[in-house]
Amino acid sequence: MTTELLTNRRSNIKAISKILEETGHQRRQFLRHLNLRHFPDEHYPLINGVVSAGFAAEPFAGLDTEKQDERESHRAVSGEGDAIAQQVLLTELSAAYPDAEFLLEEDTSPHAKCLPKQNPEGILQGRKIVGDPIDSSTRFGGDMSQWCTAAGMLQDGHVVGGAIFAPTMNGGLLVTSHKGKGVVVVEKGGQKVLTDTTPILPREVKKSVVLLGVDTLQYPAICNFIPKVTTAVRGVYTSGSGILGLALVAAGRAQAIFQTPQRIWDIIPGICALREAGRTVLFYRRDPQTGLPTEVGLDFQAFCYDRPNRLGIIAGDIMLVGYLAQLLQEAGPLLKADESLKD
């Protein structure tokens, strides 16, 4: 890409069109072995948009990121790559789904089809697309491999599809699913395509791998029981990208993931794949008064941006989910190291 094309892309439609033209060949090459009859026709634009966004962002990996949202901590960063990926997602998906509205991480206030993050009224009606242009901007900015682009589709409040693409993992890794059609994994530059509509059978706990999602180790109550988990299973690893962790569990590369409360675009893209793979999915929310975790459903509150609304998730083999949920219940108030209960 030329230096000129890397300038002022947030609002430059011609530049975005040029980016799509340049990444189109990469996308077609990566998806060349994907069976176009596996999913309904309406699912493929979701795949195309997510893969295009990933390839468009990749040249920016390793560049400095900048803090954007003052309401978040010093850990919340974003940069030009996030903005480009989001523009590509919006351009591709709004053209493919003219009836859809969007809930995305980066600032979308100028876009008529995007719902406000604080109060996304109507999110549970009609077709909605919830996505994260780059999950794990810190790893992206550090030019580390564990970042992804992702989007999930809802129809009348039900998650019906998703696509998660990590351009720099395994020569490119795509995990995608549509309700009733199983999970498809594309990797190794598109050379390897795994298609299986059979739910994954649970492993023995002692032969399992558990992933810890983003921010998990900020909670002392969780740190207290992690040693117990490490002795019960084969391995415990931190996933730099929460969405990518969900995808790896859905693809059978790990058997469970434990994730503390996150924003909704860090969850929705992976839900369909987890369910299609036969994984158990449990949502929980911290009680604002006691700090205790309570199991909840995917309600309207979960889509609202403010921190008390956010959901945690435990997903994977049913035995592991039950085991981790029990440890969570026994751990007491779920507070970060710098938090205290409010009167």
Protein backbone atom coordinates (compact mmCIF):
# COMPACT_ATOMS: atom_id res chain seq x y z
CA MET A 1 0.00 0.00 0.00
CA THR A 2 1.26 3.50 -0.78
CA THR A 3 1.81 6.14 1.90
CA GLU A 4 -0.90 8.29 0.34
CA LEU A 5 -3.49 5.59 0.83
CA LEU A 6 -2.69 5.39 4.52
CA THR A 7 -3.76 9.02 5.11
CA ASN A 8 -7.21 10.33 6.10
CA ARG A 9 -8.97 7.02 5.60
CA ARG A 10 -11.65 7.48 8.20
CA SER A 11 -13.74 9.58 5.85
CA ASN A 12 -12.20 8.89 2.45
CA ILE A 13 -14.62 6.59 0.60
CA LYS A 14 -12.39 6.39 -2.46
CA ALA A 15 -9.52 5.21 -0.31
CA ILE A 16 -11.71 2.53 1.27
CA SER A 17 -12.77 1.37 -2.18
CA LYS A 18 -9.10 1.14 -3.11
CA ILE A 19 -8.34 -0.85 0.02
CA LEU A 20 -11.15 -3.28 -0.81
CA GLU A 21 -9.77 -3.65 -4.31
CA GLU A 22 -6.31 -4.38 -2.97
CA THR A 23 -7.49 -6.83 -0.30
CA GLY A 24 -9.98 -8.52 -2.62
CA HIS A 25 -7.31 -10.76 -4.12
CA GLN A 26 -6.05 -11.79 -0.65
CA ARG A 27 -9.59 -12.60 0.45
CA ARG A 28 -10.43 -14.61 -2.67
CA GLN A 29 -7.17 -16.53 -2.41
CA PHE A 30 -7.76 -17.34 1.27
CA LEU A 31 -11.37 -18.45 0.72
CA ARG A 32 -10.81 -20.28 -2.56
CA HIS A 33 -11.44 -23.76 -1.09
CA LEU A 34 -14.49 -22.78 0.97
CA ASN A 35 -17.60 -24.66 -0.16
CA LEU A 36 -20.07 -21.96 -1.20
CA ARG A 37 -22.99 -24.37 -0.70
CA HIS A 38 -22.26 -25.08 2.96
CA PHE A 39 -23.94 -21.96 4.38
CA PRO A 40 -27.02 -20.02 3.25
CA ASP A 41 -26.23 -17.32 0.68
CA GLU A 42 -26.86 -14.60 3.23
CA HIS A 43 -23.93 -15.77 5.38
CA TYR A 44 -21.11 -15.28 2.88
CA PRO A 45 -21.11 -11.44 2.90
CA LEU A 46 -20.48 -11.64 6.65
CA ILE A 47 -17.42 -13.82 6.00
CA ASN A 48 -16.23 -11.53 3.20
CA GLY A 49 -16.58 -8.40 5.31
CA VAL A 50 -14.71 -9.80 8.31
CA VAL A 51 -11.89 -11.29 6.20
CA SER A 52 -11.55 -8.08 4.18
CA ALA A 53 -11.35 -6.02 7.38
CA GLY A 54 -8.60 -8.26 8.73
CA PHE A 55 -6.48 -8.02 5.60
CA ALA A 56 -7.05 -4.26 5.43
CA ALA A 57 -5.87 -3.80 9.02
CA GLU A 58 -2.86 -6.10 8.83
CA PRO A 59 -0.41 -3.52 7.31
CA PHE A 60 -0.95 -1.35 10.41
CA ALA A 61 0.08 -4.08 12.87
CA GLY A 62 3.10 -2.98 14.88
CA LEU A 63 2.34 0.72 14.57
CA ASP A 64 1.70 2.77 17.68
CA THR A 65 -1.83 2.79 19.04
CA GLU A 66 -3.39 5.72 20.80
CA LYS A 67 -5.90 5.96 23.62
CA GLN A 68 -9.29 6.97 22.26
CA ASP A 69 -12.02 6.59 24.89
CA GLU A 70 -11.35 8.55 28.07
CA ARG A 71 -14.07 6.58 29.88
CA GLU A 72 -11.91 3.48 29.70
CA SER A 73 -8.63 2.69 31.45
CA HIS A 74 -5.10 3.03 30.09
CA ARG A 75 -5.55 -0.53 28.78
CA ALA A 76 -8.15 0.56 26.20
CA VAL A 77 -6.25 1.64 23.10
CA SER A 78 -7.01 1.98 19.42
CA GLY A 79 -5.37 3.41 16.34
CA GLU A 80 -5.56 3.76 12.59
CA GLY A 81 -5.82 0.02 12.03
CA ASP A 82 -9.00 -0.13 14.14
CA ALA A 83 -10.52 2.74 12.18
CA ILE A 84 -9.67 1.20 8.79
CA ALA A 85 -11.01 -2.22 9.78
CA GLN A 86 -14.25 -0.68 11.00
CA GLN A 87 -14.69 1.38 7.82
CA VAL A 88 -14.21 -1.75 5.74
CA LEU A 89 -16.68 -3.71 7.89
CA LEU A 90 -19.30 -0.97 7.56
CA THR A 91 -18.75 -0.50 3.83
CA GLU A 92 -18.94 -4.21 3.02
CA LEU A 93 -21.72 -5.23 5.39
CA SER A 94 -24.03 -2.22 5.00
CA ALA A 95 -23.99 -2.82 1.23
CA ALA A 96 -24.66 -6.55 1.65
CA TYR A 97 -27.32 -6.14 4.37
CA PRO A 98 -29.23 -2.91 3.65
CA ASP A 99 -31.82 -3.83 6.31
CA ALA A 100 -29.22 -4.24 9.08
CA GLU A 101 -28.17 -1.91 11.87
CA PHE A 102 -24.78 -2.08 13.55
CA LEU A 103 -23.27 -1.99 17.03
CA LEU A 104 -19.49 -1.64 16.73
CA GLU A 105 -16.64 -0.76 19.07
CA GLU A 106 -15.16 2.35 17.45
CA ASP A 107 -16.93 5.70 17.19
CA THR A 108 -19.76 5.38 14.66
CA SER A 109 -21.77 8.54 15.40
CA PRO A 110 -21.71 9.86 11.81
CA HIS A 111 -23.11 6.60 10.38
CA ALA A 112 -26.90 6.48 10.14
CA LYS A 113 -27.02 2.66 10.39
CA CYS A 114 -25.09 2.47 13.67
CA LEU A 115 -26.81 2.27 17.03
CA PRO A 116 -25.62 4.36 20.00
CA LYS A 117 -23.45 2.34 22.35
CA GLN A 118 -24.98 3.68 25.56
CA ASN A 119 -28.56 2.79 24.65
CA PRO A 120 -28.86 0.69 21.47
CA GLU A 121 -32.62 0.80 21.30
CA GLY A 122 -34.03 -1.81 18.92
CA ILE A 123 -31.00 -4.12 19.18
CA LEU A 124 -33.29 -7.11 19.83
CA GLN A 125 -35.49 -6.47 16.79
CA GLY A 126 -34.74 -7.24 13.15
CA ARG A 127 -31.27 -7.89 11.70
CA LYS A 128 -28.39 -6.51 13.73
CA ILE A 129 -24.64 -6.93 13.34
CA VAL A 130 -22.39 -6.63 16.39
CA GLY A 131 -18.68 -6.52 15.77
CA ASP A 132 -15.17 -5.59 16.81
CA PRO A 133 -12.89 -4.32 14.03
CA ILE A 134 -9.79 -5.36 15.97
CA ASP A 135 -9.95 -7.35 19.17
CA SER A 136 -6.75 -7.05 21.21
CA SER A 137 -5.52 -3.71 19.91
CA THR A 138 -2.58 -3.98 22.32
CA ARG A 139 -1.32 -7.14 20.65
CA PHE A 140 -2.10 -5.63 17.25
CA GLY A 141 -0.07 -2.51 18.10
CA GLY A 142 2.78 -4.70 19.32
CA ASP A 143 2.73 -6.77 16.10
CA MET A 144 1.86 -9.96 17.98
CA SER A 145 -0.22 -12.63 16.27
CA GLN A 146 -3.14 -13.06 18.63
CA TRP A 147 -5.59 -10.40 17.34
CA CYS A 148 -8.64 -10.72 15.14
CA THR A 149 -11.51 -9.04 13.34
CA ALA A 150 -14.99 -10.30 14.14
CA ALA A 151 -18.72 -9.81 13.64
CA GLY A 152 -21.82 -11.65 14.75
CA MET A 153 -25.35 -11.46 13.36
CA LEU A 154 -28.59 -11.33 15.35
CA GLN A 155 -32.11 -11.81 14.08
CA ASP A 156 -34.81 -10.61 16.48
CA GLY A 157 -32.45 -10.96 19.43
CA HIS A 158 -31.16 -14.45 18.53
CA VAL A 159 -27.55 -14.99 17.46
CA VAL A 160 -27.70 -16.69 14.05
CA GLY A 161 -24.17 -16.38 12.69
CA GLY A 162 -20.63 -15.18 13.21
CA ALA A 163 -17.20 -14.89 11.66
CA ILE A 164 -13.85 -14.45 13.41
CA PHE A 165 -10.64 -13.93 11.40
CA ALA A 166 -7.07 -13.83 12.70
CA PRO A 167 -4.89 -12.96 9.68
CA THR A 168 -1.55 -13.69 11.38
CA MET A 169 -2.42 -16.94 13.21
CA ASN A 170 -1.75 -20.29 11.52
CA GLY A 171 -1.21 -18.56 8.20
CA GLY A 172 -4.65 -17.00 8.61
CA LEU A 173 -7.39 -18.53 10.74
CA LEU A 174 -11.13 -18.13 10.09
CA VAL A 175 -13.77 -19.65 12.36
CA THR A 176 -17.29 -19.12 11.05
CA SER A 177 -20.74 -20.55 11.71
CA HIS A 178 -24.41 -20.19 10.89
CA LYS A 179 -27.29 -21.49 12.99
CA GLY A 180 -28.04 -25.11 12.08
CA LYS A 181 -25.00 -25.40 9.77
CA GLY A 182 -22.15 -26.23 12.12
CA VAL A 183 -18.71 -24.64 12.27
CA VAL A 184 -16.20 -24.17 9.44
CA VAL A 185 -12.50 -23.50 10.07
CA VAL A 186 -10.24 -22.17 7.30
CA GLU A 187 -6.50 -21.82 7.95
CA LYS A 188 -2.98 -22.26 6.55
CA GLY A 189 -3.46 -19.59 3.89
CA GLY A 190 -6.74 -21.18 2.84
CA GLN A 191 -5.17 -24.56 2.15
CA LYS A 192 -6.84 -26.28 5.11
CA VAL A 193 -10.64 -26.25 5.43
CA LEU A 194 -12.35 -28.17 8.22
CA THR A 195 -16.10 -28.68 7.96
CA ASP A 196 -17.96 -30.58 10.65
CA THR A 197 -21.58 -30.32 11.72
CA THR A 198 -21.09 -32.91 14.50
CA PRO A 199 -20.84 -31.44 18.01
CA ILE A 200 -17.44 -31.87 19.65
CA LEU A 201 -17.38 -34.62 22.30
CA PRO A 202 -16.19 -33.54 25.78
CA ARG A 203 -12.70 -34.54 26.91
CA GLU A 204 -11.71 -35.74 30.32
CA VAL A 205 -10.98 -32.76 32.55
CA LYS A 206 -7.38 -33.84 33.10
CA LYS A 207 -6.77 -33.88 29.32
CA SER A 208 -8.28 -30.45 28.73
CA VAL A 209 -6.89 -27.00 27.96
CA VAL A 210 -8.54 -23.98 29.59
CA LEU A 211 -8.15 -20.43 28.30
CA LEU A 212 -8.38 -17.34 30.47
CA GLY A 213 -9.91 -14.38 28.72
CA VAL A 214 -8.79 -10.76 28.68
CA ASP A 215 -8.54 -9.00 32.09
CA THR A 216 -9.15 -12.19 34.11
CA LEU A 217 -6.01 -11.80 36.21
CA GLN A 218 -7.10 -8.35 37.41
CA TYR A 219 -9.47 -10.11 39.85
CA PRO A 220 -7.80 -11.46 43.04
CA ALA A 221 -10.75 -13.77 43.74
CA ILE A 222 -10.11 -15.52 40.42
CA CYS A 223 -6.33 -15.58 40.90
CA ASN A 224 -6.96 -17.45 44.15
CA PHE A 225 -8.56 -20.43 42.42
CA ILE A 226 -6.53 -20.55 39.19
CA PRO A 227 -3.82 -22.77 40.80
CA LYS A 228 -6.54 -25.33 41.55
CA VAL A 229 -7.53 -25.29 37.87
CA THR A 230 -3.95 -25.68 36.66
CA THR A 231 -3.53 -28.86 38.68
CA ALA A 232 -6.82 -30.31 37.43
CA VAL A 233 -6.31 -29.81 33.67
CA ARG A 234 -3.52 -30.27 31.14
CA GLY A 235 -2.87 -26.57 30.61
CA VAL A 236 -4.14 -23.07 31.41
CA TYR A 237 -3.25 -20.22 29.05
CA THR A 238 -4.23 -16.58 28.66
CA SER A 239 -5.90 -15.62 25.40
CA GLY A 240 -4.83 -12.12 24.33
CA SER A 241 -8.05 -11.75 22.36
CA GLY A 242 -11.24 -12.76 24.13
CA ILE A 243 -13.13 -13.31 20.86
CA LEU A 244 -10.32 -15.42 19.45
CA GLY A 245 -10.42 -17.50 22.63
CA LEU A 246 -14.11 -18.20 22.03
CA ALA A 247 -13.27 -19.21 18.44
CA LEU A 248 -10.52 -21.58 19.55
CA VAL A 249 -12.88 -23.31 21.97
CA ALA A 250 -15.52 -23.60 19.24
CA ALA A 251 -12.90 -25.07 16.90
CA GLY A 252 -11.82 -27.67 19.47
CA ARG A 253 -8.33 -26.26 20.01
CA ALA A 254 -9.16 -25.66 23.70
CA GLN A 255 -11.89 -27.16 25.84
CA ALA A 256 -13.09 -24.14 27.82
CA ILE A 257 -12.68 -20.41 28.28
CA PHE A 258 -13.27 -18.34 31.40
CA GLN A 259 -13.90 -14.66 30.65
CA THR A 260 -14.63 -11.85 33.11
CA PRO A 261 -17.21 -9.15 32.14
CA GLN A 262 -16.58 -7.60 28.74
CA ARG A 263 -18.32 -5.39 26.22
CA ILE A 264 -20.85 -7.15 24.04
CA TRP A 265 -18.88 -6.97 20.76
CA ASP A 266 -16.22 -9.08 22.49
CA ILE A 267 -18.78 -11.86 22.95
CA ILE A 268 -21.47 -11.99 20.24
CA PRO A 269 -19.23 -12.96 17.26
CA GLY A 270 -18.30 -16.26 18.94
CA ILE A 271 -21.64 -17.39 20.38
CA CYS A 272 -23.07 -19.12 17.30
CA ALA A 273 -19.87 -21.12 16.73
CA LEU A 274 -19.78 -22.25 20.36
CA ARG A 275 -23.37 -23.43 20.25
CA GLU A 276 -23.01 -25.09 16.85
CA ALA A 277 -19.98 -26.98 18.19
CA GLY A 278 -22.09 -28.31 21.04
CA ARG A 279 -20.34 -26.22 23.67
CA THR A 280 -22.11 -25.10 26.83
CA VAL A 281 -22.38 -21.30 27.16
CA LEU A 282 -23.01 -19.60 30.51
CA PHE A 283 -23.38 -15.83 30.94
CA TYR A 284 -23.01 -14.04 34.25
CA ARG A 285 -23.08 -10.46 35.55
CA ARG A 286 -21.69 -8.92 38.72
CA ASP A 287 -24.25 -7.67 41.20
CA PRO A 288 -23.52 -3.92 41.56
CA GLN A 289 -24.15 -4.00 45.31
CA THR A 290 -22.46 -7.22 46.39
CA GLY A 291 -20.01 -7.90 43.56
CA LEU A 292 -21.24 -11.50 43.46
CA PRO A 293 -21.63 -13.13 40.02
CA THR A 294 -25.17 -14.08 38.98
CA GLU A 295 -26.11 -16.22 35.98
CA VAL A 296 -28.14 -14.23 33.43
CA GLY A 297 -29.36 -14.46 29.85
CA LEU A 298 -28.46 -12.41 26.80
CA ASP A 299 -30.70 -9.49 27.71
CA PHE A 300 -30.98 -5.90 26.43
CA GLN A 301 -28.87 -4.67 29.33
CA ALA A 302 -25.92 -6.70 28.02
CA PHE A 303 -25.80 -4.57 24.86
CA CYS A 304 -25.56 -1.28 26.77
CA TYR A 305 -22.05 0.12 27.09
CA ASP A 306 -21.81 1.07 30.76
CA ARG A 307 -19.60 -1.21 32.84
CA PRO A 308 -22.28 -2.61 35.25
CA ASN A 309 -24.19 -4.04 32.25
CA ARG A 310 -21.39 -6.17 30.91
CA LEU A 311 -21.43 -9.95 30.78
CA GLY A 312 -18.86 -12.50 31.75
CA ILE A 313 -18.87 -15.84 29.96
CA ILE A 314 -17.81 -19.41 30.71
CA ALA A 315 -17.98 -21.66 27.66
CA GLY A 316 -16.79 -25.09 26.62
CA ASP A 317 -17.23 -28.72 27.58
CA ILE A 318 -20.17 -29.07 29.94
CA MET A 319 -18.11 -30.66 32.74
CA LEU A 320 -15.51 -27.91 32.63
CA VAL A 321 -18.12 -25.15 32.51
CA GLY A 322 -19.80 -26.61 35.59
CA TYR A 323 -16.46 -26.94 37.39
CA LEU A 324 -15.39 -23.35 36.60
CA ALA A 325 -18.84 -21.96 37.45
CA GLN A 326 -18.69 -23.66 40.86
CA LEU A 327 -15.26 -22.18 41.55
CA LEU A 328 -16.56 -18.75 40.56
CA GLN A 329 -19.54 -19.03 42.91
CA GLU A 330 -17.27 -20.05 45.78
CA ALA A 331 -14.77 -17.24 45.13
CA GLY A 332 -16.84 -14.44 46.66
CA PRO A 333 -17.19 -10.86 45.34
CA LEU A 334 -15.73 -10.38 41.87
CA LEU A 335 -13.75 -7.16 42.25
CA LYS A 336 -10.67 -5.90 40.46
CA ALA A 337 -7.56 -5.28 42.55
CA ASP A 338 -8.23 -1.50 42.49
CA GLU A 339 -11.99 -1.76 43.18
CA SER A 340 -14.12 -1.76 46.33
CA LEU A 341 -17.82 -2.25 46.96
CA LYS A 342 -19.82 1.00 46.88
CA ASP A 343 -22.25 1.85 49.64
